[in-house]
Amino acid sequence: MKVTVDDGRCRGHGVCITVCPEVFTLNDDGYAQARAGAIPVQFEEAVRDGIESCPEHAITAQYGSGPHGQHTVGRVVDARSESLAHPFDGRT
């Protein structure tokens, strides 16, 4: 598993850090960042909890590179609910 935090979506709530501090930290600007490289198996469940808990839908995880390729998990939000979730920050 490899985890990324979209720095354009993260607003620094820190929920992911509370759920899984072994993988997520705050950068110098106060936004979440994920540990580089592969995530140890023992943290995968906590990472999934962090993905589900992120109010900005900023975290994704990629699994595997085997014969079936990679697959990505994250919170999927359609354009209508995205605009409702962020009514004051200028996103459409």
C-alpha atoms as a PDB file:
ATOM      1  CA  MET A   1       0.000   0.000   0.000  1.00  0.00           C
ATOM      2  CA  LYS A   2       1.186   3.474  -0.882  1.00  0.00           C
ATOM      3  CA  VAL A   3      -0.657   6.531   0.454  1.00  0.00           C
ATOM      4  CA  THR A   4      -0.895  10.075  -0.874  1.00  0.00           C
ATOM      5  CA  VAL A   5      -2.515  13.211   0.477  1.00  0.00           C
ATOM      6  CA  ASP A   6      -3.725  15.713  -2.111  1.00  0.00           C
ATOM      7  CA  ASP A   7      -2.255  18.973  -0.863  1.00  0.00           C
ATOM      8  CA  GLY A   8      -4.798  20.913  -2.918  1.00  0.00           C
ATOM      9  CA  ARG A   9      -7.661  19.319  -0.982  1.00  0.00           C
ATOM     10  CA  CYS A  10      -6.214  18.959   2.522  1.00  0.00           C
ATOM     11  CA  ARG A  11      -7.276  21.716   4.914  1.00  0.00           C
ATOM     12  CA  GLY A  12      -5.235  20.549   7.902  1.00  0.00           C
ATOM     13  CA  HIS A  13      -8.046  19.132  10.053  1.00  0.00           C
ATOM     14  CA  GLY A  14      -5.637  16.441  11.310  1.00  0.00           C
ATOM     15  CA  VAL A  15      -8.172  13.634  11.615  1.00  0.00           C
ATOM     16  CA  CYS A  16      -5.870  11.270   9.706  1.00  0.00           C
ATOM     17  CA  ILE A  17      -3.025  12.092  12.081  1.00  0.00           C
ATOM     18  CA  THR A  18      -5.220  11.319  15.077  1.00  0.00           C
ATOM     19  CA  VAL A  19      -6.294   8.000  13.532  1.00  0.00           C
ATOM     20  CA  CYS A  20      -2.860   6.894  12.284  1.00  0.00           C
ATOM     21  CA  PRO A  21       0.107   9.000  13.476  1.00  0.00           C
ATOM     22  CA  GLU A  22       2.501   6.277  12.289  1.00  0.00           C
ATOM     23  CA  VAL A  23       1.690   7.170   8.667  1.00  0.00           C
ATOM     24  CA  PHE A  24       0.401  10.757   8.657  1.00  0.00           C
ATOM     25  CA  THR A  25       2.169  13.899   9.898  1.00  0.00           C
ATOM     26  CA  LEU A  26       1.742  17.637   9.498  1.00  0.00           C
ATOM     27  CA  ASN A  27       4.076  19.487   7.159  1.00  0.00           C
ATOM     28  CA  ASP A  28       5.522  22.925   7.947  1.00  0.00           C
ATOM     29  CA  ASP A  29       2.410  24.597   6.514  1.00  0.00           C
ATOM     30  CA  GLY A  30       0.069  22.663   8.824  1.00  0.00           C
ATOM     31  CA  TYR A  31      -1.307  20.228   6.244  1.00  0.00           C
ATOM     32  CA  ALA A  32      -1.210  16.445   6.336  1.00  0.00           C
ATOM     33  CA  GLN A  33       1.353  14.434   4.489  1.00  0.00           C
ATOM     34  CA  ALA A  34       1.776  10.677   4.252  1.00  0.00           C
ATOM     35  CA  ARG A  35       4.844   8.624   4.978  1.00  0.00           C
ATOM     36  CA  ALA A  36       6.864   8.014   1.824  1.00  0.00           C
ATOM     37  CA  GLY A  37       7.127   4.541   0.360  1.00  0.00           C
ATOM     38  CA  ALA A  38       5.213   1.397   1.141  1.00  0.00           C
ATOM     39  CA  ILE A  39       3.090   1.371   4.277  1.00  0.00           C
ATOM     40  CA  PRO A  40       3.711  -1.551   6.646  1.00  0.00           C
ATOM     41  CA  VAL A  41       0.849  -4.053   6.718  1.00  0.00           C
ATOM     42  CA  GLN A  42       0.114  -3.448  10.407  1.00  0.00           C
ATOM     43  CA  PHE A  43      -0.971   0.143   9.609  1.00  0.00           C
ATOM     44  CA  GLU A  44      -3.217  -0.591   6.625  1.00  0.00           C
ATOM     45  CA  GLU A  45      -6.460  -0.776   8.608  1.00  0.00           C
ATOM     46  CA  ALA A  46      -5.697   2.525  10.363  1.00  0.00           C
ATOM     47  CA  VAL A  47      -4.889   4.120   6.982  1.00  0.00           C
ATOM     48  CA  ARG A  48      -8.260   2.960   5.641  1.00  0.00           C
ATOM     49  CA  ASP A  49      -9.883   4.536   8.709  1.00  0.00           C
ATOM     50  CA  GLY A  50      -7.983   7.752   7.952  1.00  0.00           C
ATOM     51  CA  ILE A  51      -9.211   7.702   4.356  1.00  0.00           C
ATOM     52  CA  GLU A  52     -12.803   7.267   5.483  1.00  0.00           C
ATOM     53  CA  SER A  53     -12.453   9.926   8.184  1.00  0.00           C
ATOM     54  CA  CYS A  54     -10.955  12.663   6.015  1.00  0.00           C
ATOM     55  CA  PRO A  55     -13.580  15.433   5.741  1.00  0.00           C
ATOM     56  CA  GLU A  56     -11.907  16.822   2.601  1.00  0.00           C
ATOM     57  CA  HIS A  57     -11.571  13.480   0.767  1.00  0.00           C
ATOM     58  CA  ALA A  58      -7.879  14.233   0.292  1.00  0.00           C
ATOM     59  CA  ILE A  59      -6.350  10.792   0.917  1.00  0.00           C
ATOM     60  CA  THR A  60      -5.917   7.942  -1.540  1.00  0.00           C
ATOM     61  CA  ALA A  61      -4.135   4.616  -1.257  1.00  0.00           C
ATOM     62  CA  GLN A  62      -2.733   2.476  -4.051  1.00  0.00           C
ATOM     63  CA  TYR A  63      -2.465  -1.252  -3.644  1.00  0.00           C
ATOM     64  CA  GLY A  64      -0.188  -3.657  -5.455  1.00  0.00           C
ATOM     65  CA  SER A  65       1.727  -3.745  -8.671  1.00  0.00           C
ATOM     66  CA  GLY A  66       1.279  -7.417  -9.422  1.00  0.00           C
ATOM     67  CA  PRO A  67      -0.102  -9.102 -12.537  1.00  0.00           C
ATOM     68  CA  HIS A  68      -3.480  -7.397 -12.150  1.00  0.00           C
ATOM     69  CA  GLY A  69      -1.965  -3.935 -11.816  1.00  0.00           C
ATOM     70  CA  GLN A  70      -2.650  -1.304  -9.198  1.00  0.00           C
ATOM     71  CA  HIS A  71      -5.964  -0.316  -7.770  1.00  0.00           C
ATOM     72  CA  THR A  72      -6.719   2.842  -5.862  1.00  0.00           C
ATOM     73  CA  VAL A  73      -9.041   3.452  -2.950  1.00  0.00           C
ATOM     74  CA  GLY A  74     -10.223   6.737  -1.586  1.00  0.00           C
ATOM     75  CA  ARG A  75     -13.430   8.575  -1.041  1.00  0.00           C
ATOM     76  CA  VAL A  76     -15.239   9.171  -4.279  1.00  0.00           C
ATOM     77  CA  VAL A  77     -17.285  12.346  -4.436  1.00  0.00           C
ATOM     78  CA  ASP A  78     -19.284  13.496  -7.407  1.00  0.00           C
ATOM     79  CA  ALA A  79     -19.297  17.115  -8.528  1.00  0.00           C
ATOM     80  CA  ARG A  80     -22.671  17.887  -6.951  1.00  0.00           C
ATOM     81  CA  SER A  81     -21.743  16.755  -3.451  1.00  0.00           C
ATOM     82  CA  GLU A  82     -18.254  18.298  -3.779  1.00  0.00           C
ATOM     83  CA  SER A  83     -19.734  21.735  -4.372  1.00  0.00           C
ATOM     84  CA  LEU A  84     -22.019  21.262  -1.367  1.00  0.00           C
ATOM     85  CA  ALA A  85     -19.130  20.100   0.806  1.00  0.00           C
ATOM     86  CA  HIS A  86     -17.087  23.223   0.072  1.00  0.00           C
ATOM     87  CA  PRO A  87     -19.560  26.098  -0.286  1.00  0.00           C
ATOM     88  CA  PHE A  88     -17.206  28.843   0.920  1.00  0.00           C
ATOM     89  CA  ASP A  89     -13.767  27.981  -0.456  1.00  0.00           C
ATOM     90  CA  GLY A  90     -14.329  28.897  -4.110  1.00  0.00           C
ATOM     91  CA  ARG A  91     -14.355  25.366  -5.546  1.00  0.00           C
ATOM     92  CA  THR A  92     -17.068  24.360  -7.949  1.00  0.00           C
END
